[in-house]
PDB file of all heavy atoms in Angstrom:
ATOM      1  N   GLU A   1       0.801  -1.223   0.000  1.00  0.00           N
ATOM      2  CA  GLU A   1       0.000   0.000   0.000  1.00  0.00           C
ATOM      3  C   GLU A   1       0.835   1.274   0.000  1.00  0.00           C
ATOM      4  O   GLU A   1       0.271   2.370  -0.060  1.00  0.00           O
ATOM      5  CB  GLU A   1      -0.934   0.014   1.218  1.00  0.00           C
ATOM      6  CG  GLU A   1      -1.973  -1.101   1.224  1.00  0.00           C
ATOM      7  CD  GLU A   1      -3.095  -0.880   0.225  1.00  0.00           C
ATOM      8  OE1 GLU A   1      -3.179   0.235  -0.362  1.00  0.00           O
ATOM      9  OE2 GLU A   1      -3.898  -1.815   0.007  1.00  0.00           O
ATOM     10  N   GLY A   2       2.165   1.138   0.070  1.00  0.00           N
ATOM     11  CA  GLY A   2       2.993   2.337   0.155  1.00  0.00           C
ATOM     12  C   GLY A   2       2.827   3.086   1.454  1.00  0.00           C
ATOM     13  O   GLY A   2       3.039   4.297   1.519  1.00  0.00           O
ATOM     14  N   ILE A   3       2.438   2.389   2.512  1.00  0.00           N
ATOM     15  CA  ILE A   3       2.228   2.977   3.836  1.00  0.00           C
ATOM     16  C   ILE A   3       3.157   2.280   4.819  1.00  0.00           C
ATOM     17  O   ILE A   3       3.073   1.059   4.993  1.00  0.00           O
ATOM     18  CB  ILE A   3       0.764   2.817   4.293  1.00  0.00           C
ATOM     19  CG1 ILE A   3      -0.180   3.562   3.345  1.00  0.00           C
ATOM     20  CG2 ILE A   3       0.592   3.314   5.724  1.00  0.00           C
ATOM     21  CD1 ILE A   3      -1.656   3.284   3.608  1.00  0.00           C
ATOM     22  N   LEU A   4       4.053   3.039   5.441  1.00  0.00           N
ATOM     23  CA  LEU A   4       4.980   2.498   6.431  1.00  0.00           C
ATOM     24  C   LEU A   4       4.375   2.700   7.811  1.00  0.00           C
ATOM     25  O   LEU A   4       4.368   3.817   8.334  1.00  0.00           O
ATOM     26  CB  LEU A   4       6.344   3.180   6.333  1.00  0.00           C
ATOM     27  CG  LEU A   4       7.417   2.720   7.337  1.00  0.00           C
ATOM     28  CD1 LEU A   4       7.718   1.233   7.181  1.00  0.00           C
ATOM     29  CD2 LEU A   4       8.691   3.552   7.183  1.00  0.00           C
ATOM     30  N   PRO A   5       3.852   1.630   8.423  1.00  0.00           N
ATOM     31  CA  PRO A   5       3.241   1.790   9.744  1.00  0.00           C
ATOM     32  C   PRO A   5       4.285   1.772  10.851  1.00  0.00           C
ATOM     33  O   PRO A   5       5.358   1.175  10.700  1.00  0.00           O
ATOM     34  CB  PRO A   5       2.333   0.558   9.845  1.00  0.00           C
ATOM     35  CG  PRO A   5       3.094  -0.500   9.083  1.00  0.00           C
ATOM     36  CD  PRO A   5       3.791   0.231   7.951  1.00  0.00           C
ATOM     37  N   ALA A   6       3.981   2.412  11.957  1.00  0.00           N
ATOM     38  CA  ALA A   6       4.811   2.254  13.144  1.00  0.00           C
ATOM     39  C   ALA A   6       4.820   0.788  13.557  1.00  0.00           C
ATOM     40  O   ALA A   6       3.865   0.048  13.308  1.00  0.00           O
ATOM     41  CB  ALA A   6       4.277   3.128  14.285  1.00  0.00           C
ATOM     42  N   LEU A   7       5.903   0.363  14.198  1.00  0.00           N
ATOM     43  CA  LEU A   7       5.973  -1.028  14.641  1.00  0.00           C
ATOM     44  C   LEU A   7       4.885  -1.349  15.657  1.00  0.00           C
ATOM     45  O   LEU A   7       4.443  -2.495  15.755  1.00  0.00           O
ATOM     46  CB  LEU A   7       7.356  -1.321  15.223  1.00  0.00           C
ATOM     47  CG  LEU A   7       8.481  -1.412  14.181  1.00  0.00           C
ATOM     48  CD1 LEU A   7       9.827  -1.630  14.865  1.00  0.00           C
ATOM     49  CD2 LEU A   7       8.209  -2.532  13.177  1.00  0.00           C
ATOM     50  N   GLU A   8       4.436  -0.338  16.402  1.00  0.00           N
ATOM     51  CA  GLU A   8       3.309  -0.552  17.310  1.00  0.00           C
ATOM     52  C   GLU A   8       2.075  -0.958  16.511  1.00  0.00           C
ATOM     53  O   GLU A   8       1.456  -1.993  16.758  1.00  0.00           O
ATOM     54  CB  GLU A   8       3.032   0.721  18.119  1.00  0.00           C
ATOM     55  CG  GLU A   8       4.103   1.074  19.137  1.00  0.00           C
ATOM     56  CD  GLU A   8       5.331   1.731  18.527  1.00  0.00           C
ATOM     57  OE1 GLU A   8       5.267   2.128  17.338  1.00  0.00           O
ATOM     58  OE2 GLU A   8       6.356   1.836  19.217  1.00  0.00           O
ATOM     59  N   SER A   9       1.712  -0.129  15.536  1.00  0.00           N
ATOM     60  CA  SER A   9       0.539  -0.386  14.702  1.00  0.00           C
ATOM     61  C   SER A   9       0.665  -1.695  13.929  1.00  0.00           C
ATOM     62  O   SER A   9      -0.339  -2.345  13.620  1.00  0.00           O
ATOM     63  CB  SER A   9       0.319   0.761  13.716  1.00  0.00           C
ATOM     64  OG  SER A   9       0.377   2.020  14.344  1.00  0.00           O
ATOM     65  N   SER A  10       1.894  -2.086  13.607  1.00  0.00           N
ATOM     66  CA  SER A  10       2.126  -3.301  12.831  1.00  0.00           C
ATOM     67  C   SER A  10       1.609  -4.549  13.536  1.00  0.00           C
ATOM     68  O   SER A  10       1.254  -5.539  12.888  1.00  0.00           O
ATOM     69  CB  SER A  10       3.621  -3.453  12.525  1.00  0.00           C
ATOM     70  OG  SER A  10       4.096  -2.357  11.760  1.00  0.00           O
ATOM     71  N   HIS A  11       1.569  -4.525  14.868  1.00  0.00           N
ATOM     72  CA  HIS A  11       0.996  -5.653  15.600  1.00  0.00           C
ATOM     73  C   HIS A  11      -0.487  -5.817  15.256  1.00  0.00           C
ATOM     74  O   HIS A  11      -0.967  -6.942  15.069  1.00  0.00           O
ATOM     75  CB  HIS A  11       1.170  -5.445  17.114  1.00  0.00           C
ATOM     76  CG  HIS A  11       2.566  -5.610  17.592  1.00  0.00           C
ATOM     77  ND1 HIS A  11       3.566  -4.686  17.322  1.00  0.00           N
ATOM     78  CD2 HIS A  11       3.161  -6.589  18.334  1.00  0.00           C
ATOM     79  CE1 HIS A  11       4.688  -5.093  17.878  1.00  0.00           C
ATOM     80  NE2 HIS A  11       4.475  -6.240  18.490  1.00  0.00           N
ATOM     81  N   ALA A  12      -1.201  -4.698  15.172  1.00  0.00           N
ATOM     82  CA  ALA A  12      -2.615  -4.749  14.805  1.00  0.00           C
ATOM     83  C   ALA A  12      -2.785  -5.193  13.359  1.00  0.00           C
ATOM     84  O   ALA A  12      -3.698  -5.963  13.034  1.00  0.00           O
ATOM     85  CB  ALA A  12      -3.266  -3.384  15.034  1.00  0.00           C
ATOM     86  N   VAL A  13      -1.922  -4.703  12.467  1.00  0.00           N
ATOM     87  CA  VAL A  13      -1.977  -5.093  11.061  1.00  0.00           C
ATOM     88  C   VAL A  13      -1.785  -6.601  10.919  1.00  0.00           C
ATOM     89  O   VAL A  13      -2.504  -7.275  10.174  1.00  0.00           O
ATOM     90  CB  VAL A  13      -0.924  -4.327  10.233  1.00  0.00           C
ATOM     91  CG1 VAL A  13      -0.894  -4.838   8.790  1.00  0.00           C
ATOM     92  CG2 VAL A  13      -1.208  -2.822  10.256  1.00  0.00           C
ATOM     93  N   ALA A  14      -0.821  -7.157  11.641  1.00  0.00           N
ATOM     94  CA  ALA A  14      -0.537  -8.589  11.558  1.00  0.00           C
ATOM     95  C   ALA A  14      -1.753  -9.421  11.954  1.00  0.00           C
ATOM     96  O   ALA A  14      -2.115 -10.382  11.257  1.00  0.00           O
ATOM     97  CB  ALA A  14       0.662  -8.935  12.451  1.00  0.00           C
ATOM     98  N   TYR A  15      -2.392  -9.057  13.063  1.00  0.00           N
ATOM     99  CA  TYR A  15      -3.537  -9.850  13.504  1.00  0.00           C
ATOM    100  C   TYR A  15      -4.727  -9.666  12.568  1.00  0.00           C
ATOM    101  O   TYR A  15      -5.457 -10.619  12.289  1.00  0.00           O
ATOM    102  CB  TYR A  15      -3.928  -9.497  14.935  1.00  0.00           C
ATOM    103  CG  TYR A  15      -4.914 -10.506  15.504  1.00  0.00           C
ATOM    104  CD1 TYR A  15      -4.486 -11.760  15.906  1.00  0.00           C
ATOM    105  CD2 TYR A  15      -6.269 -10.217  15.598  1.00  0.00           C
ATOM    106  CE1 TYR A  15      -5.372 -12.704  16.391  1.00  0.00           C
ATOM    107  CE2 TYR A  15      -7.170 -11.143  16.088  1.00  0.00           C
ATOM    108  CZ  TYR A  15      -6.719 -12.391  16.480  1.00  0.00           C
ATOM    109  OH  TYR A  15      -7.610 -13.331  16.954  1.00  0.00           O
ATOM    110  N   ALA A  16      -4.914  -8.462  12.058  1.00  0.00           N
ATOM    111  CA  ALA A  16      -6.014  -8.210  11.133  1.00  0.00           C
ATOM    112  C   ALA A  16      -5.860  -9.030   9.856  1.00  0.00           C
ATOM    113  O   ALA A  16      -6.851  -9.558   9.327  1.00  0.00           O
ATOM    114  CB  ALA A  16      -6.081  -6.724  10.794  1.00  0.00           C
ATOM    115  N   MET A  17      -4.638  -9.135   9.355  1.00  0.00           N
ATOM    116  CA  MET A  17      -4.407  -9.926   8.149  1.00  0.00           C
ATOM    117  C   MET A  17      -4.773 -11.390   8.380  1.00  0.00           C
ATOM    118  O   MET A  17      -5.413 -12.024   7.536  1.00  0.00           O
ATOM    119  CB  MET A  17      -2.946  -9.804   7.716  1.00  0.00           C
ATOM    120  CG  MET A  17      -2.560  -8.424   7.200  1.00  0.00           C
ATOM    121  SD  MET A  17      -0.768  -8.239   6.951  1.00  0.00           S
ATOM    122  CE  MET A  17      -0.470  -9.430   5.623  1.00  0.00           C
ATOM    123  N   GLU A  18      -4.391 -11.910   9.522  1.00  0.00           N
ATOM    124  CA  GLU A  18      -4.699 -13.298   9.855  1.00  0.00           C
ATOM    125  C   GLU A  18      -6.204 -13.516   9.995  1.00  0.00           C
ATOM    126  O   GLU A  18      -6.760 -14.490   9.484  1.00  0.00           O
ATOM    127  CB  GLU A  18      -3.982 -13.691  11.143  1.00  0.00           C
ATOM    128  CG  GLU A  18      -4.283 -15.104  11.637  1.00  0.00           C
ATOM    129  CD  GLU A  18      -3.638 -15.399  12.977  1.00  0.00           C
ATOM    130  OE1 GLU A  18      -2.663 -14.697  13.345  1.00  0.00           O
ATOM    131  OE2 GLU A  18      -4.110 -16.318  13.682  1.00  0.00           O
ATOM    132  N   LEU A  19      -6.864 -12.585  10.683  1.00  0.00           N
ATOM    133  CA  LEU A  19      -8.291 -12.729  10.944  1.00  0.00           C
ATOM    134  C   LEU A  19      -9.120 -12.540   9.684  1.00  0.00           C
ATOM    135  O   LEU A  19     -10.049 -13.307   9.413  1.00  0.00           O
ATOM    136  CB  LEU A  19      -8.709 -11.722  12.017  1.00  0.00           C
ATOM    137  CG  LEU A  19     -10.053 -11.937  12.706  1.00  0.00           C
ATOM    138  CD1 LEU A  19     -10.065 -13.255  13.455  1.00  0.00           C
ATOM    139  CD2 LEU A  19     -10.332 -10.771  13.671  1.00  0.00           C
ATOM    140  N   ALA A  20      -8.790 -11.515   8.902  1.00  0.00           N
ATOM    141  CA  ALA A  20      -9.564 -11.187   7.704  1.00  0.00           C
ATOM    142  C   ALA A  20      -9.549 -12.319   6.695  1.00  0.00           C
ATOM    143  O   ALA A  20     -10.521 -12.518   5.956  1.00  0.00           O
ATOM    144  CB  ALA A  20      -9.027  -9.907   7.066  1.00  0.00           C
ATOM    145  N   ALA A  21      -8.462 -13.074   6.652  1.00  0.00           N
ATOM    146  CA  ALA A  21      -8.337 -14.157   5.676  1.00  0.00           C
ATOM    147  C   ALA A  21      -9.431 -15.206   5.826  1.00  0.00           C
ATOM    148  O   ALA A  21      -9.816 -15.860   4.852  1.00  0.00           O
ATOM    149  CB  ALA A  21      -6.961 -14.818   5.789  1.00  0.00           C
ATOM    150  N   GLY A  22      -9.962 -15.377   7.006  1.00  0.00           N
ATOM    151  CA  GLY A  22     -10.998 -16.368   7.262  1.00  0.00           C
ATOM    152  C   GLY A  22     -12.403 -15.800   7.255  1.00  0.00           C
ATOM    153  O   GLY A  22     -13.348 -16.492   7.662  1.00  0.00           O
ATOM    154  N   MET A  23     -12.563 -14.558   6.810  1.00  0.00           N
ATOM    155  CA  MET A  23     -13.865 -13.901   6.809  1.00  0.00           C
ATOM    156  C   MET A  23     -14.379 -13.734   5.386  1.00  0.00           C
ATOM    157  O   MET A  23     -13.646 -13.911   4.418  1.00  0.00           O
ATOM    158  CB  MET A  23     -13.761 -12.546   7.511  1.00  0.00           C
ATOM    159  CG  MET A  23     -13.329 -12.639   8.967  1.00  0.00           C
ATOM    160  SD  MET A  23     -12.920 -11.031   9.725  1.00  0.00           S
ATOM    161  CE  MET A  23     -14.516 -10.185   9.625  1.00  0.00           C
ATOM    162  N   SER A  24     -15.651 -13.351   5.257  1.00  0.00           N
ATOM    163  CA  SER A  24     -16.243 -13.158   3.930  1.00  0.00           C
ATOM    164  C   SER A  24     -15.869 -11.799   3.365  1.00  0.00           C
ATOM    165  O   SER A  24     -15.517 -10.870   4.100  1.00  0.00           O
ATOM    166  CB  SER A  24     -17.764 -13.287   4.002  1.00  0.00           C
ATOM    167  OG  SER A  24     -18.352 -12.084   4.448  1.00  0.00           O
ATOM    168  N   SER A  25     -15.994 -11.664   2.067  1.00  0.00           N
ATOM    169  CA  SER A  25     -15.631 -10.419   1.395  1.00  0.00           C
ATOM    170  C   SER A  25     -16.595  -9.283   1.703  1.00  0.00           C
ATOM    171  O   SER A  25     -16.301  -8.123   1.394  1.00  0.00           O
ATOM    172  CB  SER A  25     -15.567 -10.645  -0.118  1.00  0.00           C
ATOM    173  OG  SER A  25     -16.837 -11.066  -0.617  1.00  0.00           O
ATOM    174  N   GLU A  26     -17.741  -9.599   2.280  1.00  0.00           N
ATOM    175  CA  GLU A  26     -18.713  -8.564   2.632  1.00  0.00           C
ATOM    176  C   GLU A  26     -18.455  -7.975   4.015  1.00  0.00           C
ATOM    177  O   GLU A  26     -19.025  -6.943   4.366  1.00  0.00           O
ATOM    178  CB  GLU A  26     -20.140  -9.133   2.585  1.00  0.00           C
ATOM    179  CG  GLU A  26     -20.557  -9.608   1.199  1.00  0.00           C
ATOM    180  CD  GLU A  26     -20.450  -8.492   0.167  1.00  0.00           C
ATOM    181  OE1 GLU A  26     -20.985  -7.399   0.438  1.00  0.00           O
ATOM    182  OE2 GLU A  26     -19.833  -8.726  -0.882  1.00  0.00           O
ATOM    183  N   GLU A  27     -17.623  -8.622   4.793  1.00  0.00           N
ATOM    184  CA  GLU A  27     -17.354  -8.156   6.146  1.00  0.00           C
ATOM    185  C   GLU A  27     -16.265  -7.077   6.142  1.00  0.00           C
ATOM    186  O   GLU A  27     -15.455  -6.983   5.212  1.00  0.00           O
ATOM    187  CB  GLU A  27     -16.969  -9.331   7.042  1.00  0.00           C
ATOM    188  CG  GLU A  27     -18.125 -10.309   7.266  1.00  0.00           C
ATOM    189  CD  GLU A  27     -17.749 -11.477   8.139  1.00  0.00           C
ATOM    190  OE1 GLU A  27     -16.999 -12.359   7.664  1.00  0.00           O
ATOM    191  OE2 GLU A  27     -18.222 -11.513   9.294  1.00  0.00           O
ATOM    192  N   ILE A  28     -16.242  -6.280   7.201  1.00  0.00           N
ATOM    193  CA  ILE A  28     -15.337  -5.129   7.303  1.00  0.00           C
ATOM    194  C   ILE A  28     -14.509  -5.226   8.578  1.00  0.00           C
ATOM    195  O   ILE A  28     -15.053  -5.370   9.675  1.00  0.00           O
ATOM    196  CB  ILE A  28     -16.125  -3.807   7.297  1.00  0.00           C
ATOM    197  CG1 ILE A  28     -16.840  -3.608   5.961  1.00  0.00           C
ATOM    198  CG2 ILE A  28     -15.193  -2.625   7.597  1.00  0.00           C
ATOM    199  CD1 ILE A  28     -17.773  -2.407   5.944  1.00  0.00           C
ATOM    200  N   VAL A  29     -13.201  -5.131   8.398  1.00  0.00           N
ATOM    201  CA  VAL A  29     -12.264  -5.058   9.517  1.00  0.00           C
ATOM    202  C   VAL A  29     -11.583  -3.696   9.476  1.00  0.00           C
ATOM    203  O   VAL A  29     -11.033  -3.309   8.443  1.00  0.00           O
ATOM    204  CB  VAL A  29     -11.197  -6.170   9.441  1.00  0.00           C
ATOM    205  CG1 VAL A  29     -10.136  -5.974  10.520  1.00  0.00           C
ATOM    206  CG2 VAL A  29     -11.839  -7.539   9.568  1.00  0.00           C
ATOM    207  N   ILE A  30     -11.622  -2.971  10.585  1.00  0.00           N
ATOM    208  CA  ILE A  30     -10.968  -1.665  10.662  1.00  0.00           C
ATOM    209  C   ILE A  30      -9.777  -1.751  11.607  1.00  0.00           C
ATOM    210  O   ILE A  30      -9.908  -2.180  12.753  1.00  0.00           O
ATOM    211  CB  ILE A  30     -11.939  -0.569  11.133  1.00  0.00           C
ATOM    212  CG1 ILE A  30     -13.049  -0.369  10.096  1.00  0.00           C
ATOM    213  CG2 ILE A  30     -11.196   0.740  11.390  1.00  0.00           C
ATOM    214  CD1 ILE A  30     -14.083   0.661  10.496  1.00  0.00           C
ATOM    215  N   ILE A  31      -8.615  -1.343  11.101  1.00  0.00           N
ATOM    216  CA  ILE A  31      -7.392  -1.256  11.894  1.00  0.00           C
ATOM    217  C   ILE A  31      -7.144   0.208  12.235  1.00  0.00           C
ATOM    218  O   ILE A  31      -7.177   1.069  11.351  1.00  0.00           O
ATOM    219  CB  ILE A  31      -6.170  -1.772  11.111  1.00  0.00           C
ATOM    220  CG1 ILE A  31      -6.391  -3.197  10.608  1.00  0.00           C
ATOM    221  CG2 ILE A  31      -4.914  -1.686  11.969  1.00  0.00           C
ATOM    222  CD1 ILE A  31      -5.344  -3.625   9.580  1.00  0.00           C
ATOM    223  N   ASN A  32      -6.878   0.479  13.501  1.00  0.00           N
ATOM    224  CA  ASN A  32      -6.430   1.826  13.845  1.00  0.00           C
ATOM    225  C   ASN A  32      -4.928   1.901  13.571  1.00  0.00           C
ATOM    226  O   ASN A  32      -4.125   1.361  14.325  1.00  0.00           O
ATOM    227  CB  ASN A  32      -6.718   2.156  15.310  1.00  0.00           C
ATOM    228  CG  ASN A  32      -6.533   3.643  15.580  1.00  0.00           C
ATOM    229  OD1 ASN A  32      -6.519   4.461  14.666  1.00  0.00           O
ATOM    230  ND2 ASN A  32      -6.404   3.994  16.844  1.00  0.00           N
ATOM    231  N   LEU A  33      -4.566   2.566  12.481  1.00  0.00           N
ATOM    232  CA  LEU A  33      -3.154   2.739  12.153  1.00  0.00           C
ATOM    233  C   LEU A  33      -2.648   3.911  12.979  1.00  0.00           C
ATOM    234  O   LEU A  33      -2.654   5.049  12.544  1.00  0.00           O
ATOM    235  CB  LEU A  33      -2.980   2.975  10.654  1.00  0.00           C
ATOM    236  CG  LEU A  33      -1.577   2.684  10.117  1.00  0.00           C
ATOM    237  CD1 LEU A  33      -1.287   1.196  10.175  1.00  0.00           C
ATOM    238  CD2 LEU A  33      -1.423   3.196   8.704  1.00  0.00           C
ATOM    239  N   SER A  34      -2.201   3.611  14.189  1.00  0.00           N
ATOM    240  CA  SER A  34      -1.997   4.631  15.215  1.00  0.00           C
ATOM    241  C   SER A  34      -0.833   5.571  14.954  1.00  0.00           C
ATOM    242  O   SER A  34      -0.790   6.670  15.519  1.00  0.00           O
ATOM    243  CB  SER A  34      -1.819   3.972  16.585  1.00  0.00           C
ATOM    244  OG  SER A  34      -0.744   3.044  16.565  1.00  0.00           O
ATOM    245  N   GLY A  35       0.120   5.176  14.102  1.00  0.00           N
ATOM    246  CA  GLY A  35       1.251   6.054  13.841  1.00  0.00           C
ATOM    247  C   GLY A  35       2.042   5.589  12.629  1.00  0.00           C
ATOM    248  O   GLY A  35       1.912   4.453  12.167  1.00  0.00           O
ATOM    249  N   ARG A  36       2.862   6.492  12.102  1.00  0.00           N
ATOM    250  CA  ARG A  36       3.696   6.132  10.949  1.00  0.00           C
ATOM    251  C   ARG A  36       5.062   5.656  11.406  1.00  0.00           C
ATOM    252  O   ARG A  36       5.514   5.965  12.506  1.00  0.00           O
ATOM    253  CB  ARG A  36       3.815   7.302   9.976  1.00  0.00           C
ATOM    254  CG  ARG A  36       4.430   8.567  10.515  1.00  0.00           C
ATOM    255  CD  ARG A  36       4.598   9.569   9.380  1.00  0.00           C
ATOM    256  NE  ARG A  36       5.120  10.837   9.835  1.00  0.00           N
ATOM    257  CZ  ARG A  36       4.404  11.959   9.947  1.00  0.00           C
ATOM    258  NH1 ARG A  36       3.131  11.959   9.660  1.00  0.00           N
ATOM    259  NH2 ARG A  36       4.968  13.080  10.371  1.00  0.00           N
ATOM    260  N   GLY A  37       5.721   4.920  10.510  1.00  0.00           N
ATOM    261  CA  GLY A  37       6.929   4.207  10.888  1.00  0.00           C
ATOM    262  C   GLY A  37       8.248   4.895  10.607  1.00  0.00           C
ATOM    263  O   GLY A  37       9.305   4.243  10.732  1.00  0.00           O
ATOM    264  N   ASP A  38       8.226   6.171  10.256  1.00  0.00           N
ATOM    265  CA  ASP A  38       9.485   6.869  10.009  1.00  0.00           C
ATOM    266  C   ASP A  38      10.447   6.712  11.184  1.00  0.00           C
ATOM    267  O   ASP A  38      11.654   6.509  11.002  1.00  0.00           O
ATOM    268  CB  ASP A  38       9.237   8.351   9.760  1.00  0.00           C
ATOM    269  CG  ASP A  38       8.246   8.627   8.649  1.00  0.00           C
ATOM    270  OD1 ASP A  38       7.146   8.062   8.720  1.00  0.00           O
ATOM    271  OD2 ASP A  38       8.541   9.436   7.756  1.00  0.00           O
ATOM    272  N   LYS A  39       9.902   6.800  12.404  1.00  0.00           N
ATOM    273  CA  LYS A  39      10.715   6.707  13.608  1.00  0.00           C
ATOM    274  C   LYS A  39      11.396   5.353  13.759  1.00  0.00           C
ATOM    275  O   LYS A  39      12.393   5.232  14.474  1.00  0.00           O
ATOM    276  CB  LYS A  39       9.838   6.956  14.838  1.00  0.00           C
ATOM    277  CG  LYS A  39       8.792   5.857  15.067  1.00  0.00           C
ATOM    278  CD  LYS A  39       7.919   6.103  16.270  1.00  0.00           C
ATOM    279  CE  LYS A  39       6.898   4.994  16.455  1.00  0.00           C
ATOM    280  NZ  LYS A  39       7.516   3.651  16.691  1.00  0.00           N
ATOM    281  N   ASP A  40      10.851   4.325  13.097  1.00  0.00           N
ATOM    282  CA  ASP A  40      11.353   2.966  13.237  1.00  0.00           C
ATOM    283  C   ASP A  40      12.352   2.570  12.157  1.00  0.00           C
ATOM    284  O   ASP A  40      12.848   1.435  12.164  1.00  0.00           O
ATOM    285  CB  ASP A  40      10.188   1.969  13.240  1.00  0.00           C
ATOM    286  CG  ASP A  40       9.277   2.141  14.439  1.00  0.00           C
ATOM    287  OD1 ASP A  40       9.810   2.260  15.563  1.00  0.00           O
ATOM    288  OD2 ASP A  40       8.040   2.177  14.270  1.00  0.00           O
ATOM    289  N   ILE A  41      12.656   3.471  11.236  1.00  0.00           N
ATOM    290  CA  ILE A  41      13.599   3.135  10.167  1.00  0.00           C
ATOM    291  C   ILE A  41      14.955   2.698  10.725  1.00  0.00           C
ATOM    292  O   ILE A  41      15.530   1.707  10.247  1.00  0.00           O
ATOM    293  CB  ILE A  41      13.719   4.305   9.176  1.00  0.00           C
ATOM    294  CG1 ILE A  41      12.427   4.404   8.357  1.00  0.00           C
ATOM    295  CG2 ILE A  41      14.935   4.142   8.270  1.00  0.00           C
ATOM    296  CD1 ILE A  41      12.355   5.608   7.437  1.00  0.00           C
TER     297      ILE A  41
END
């Protein structure tokens, strides 16, 4: 997506990816992308 998430937010992204894979295409998962990852470079 061209979006560098903070490593904190990346924990939420990881679990969302795992969970969403087992759901239907009509369902909606929202991740709070709490910060950007520039600080983690």
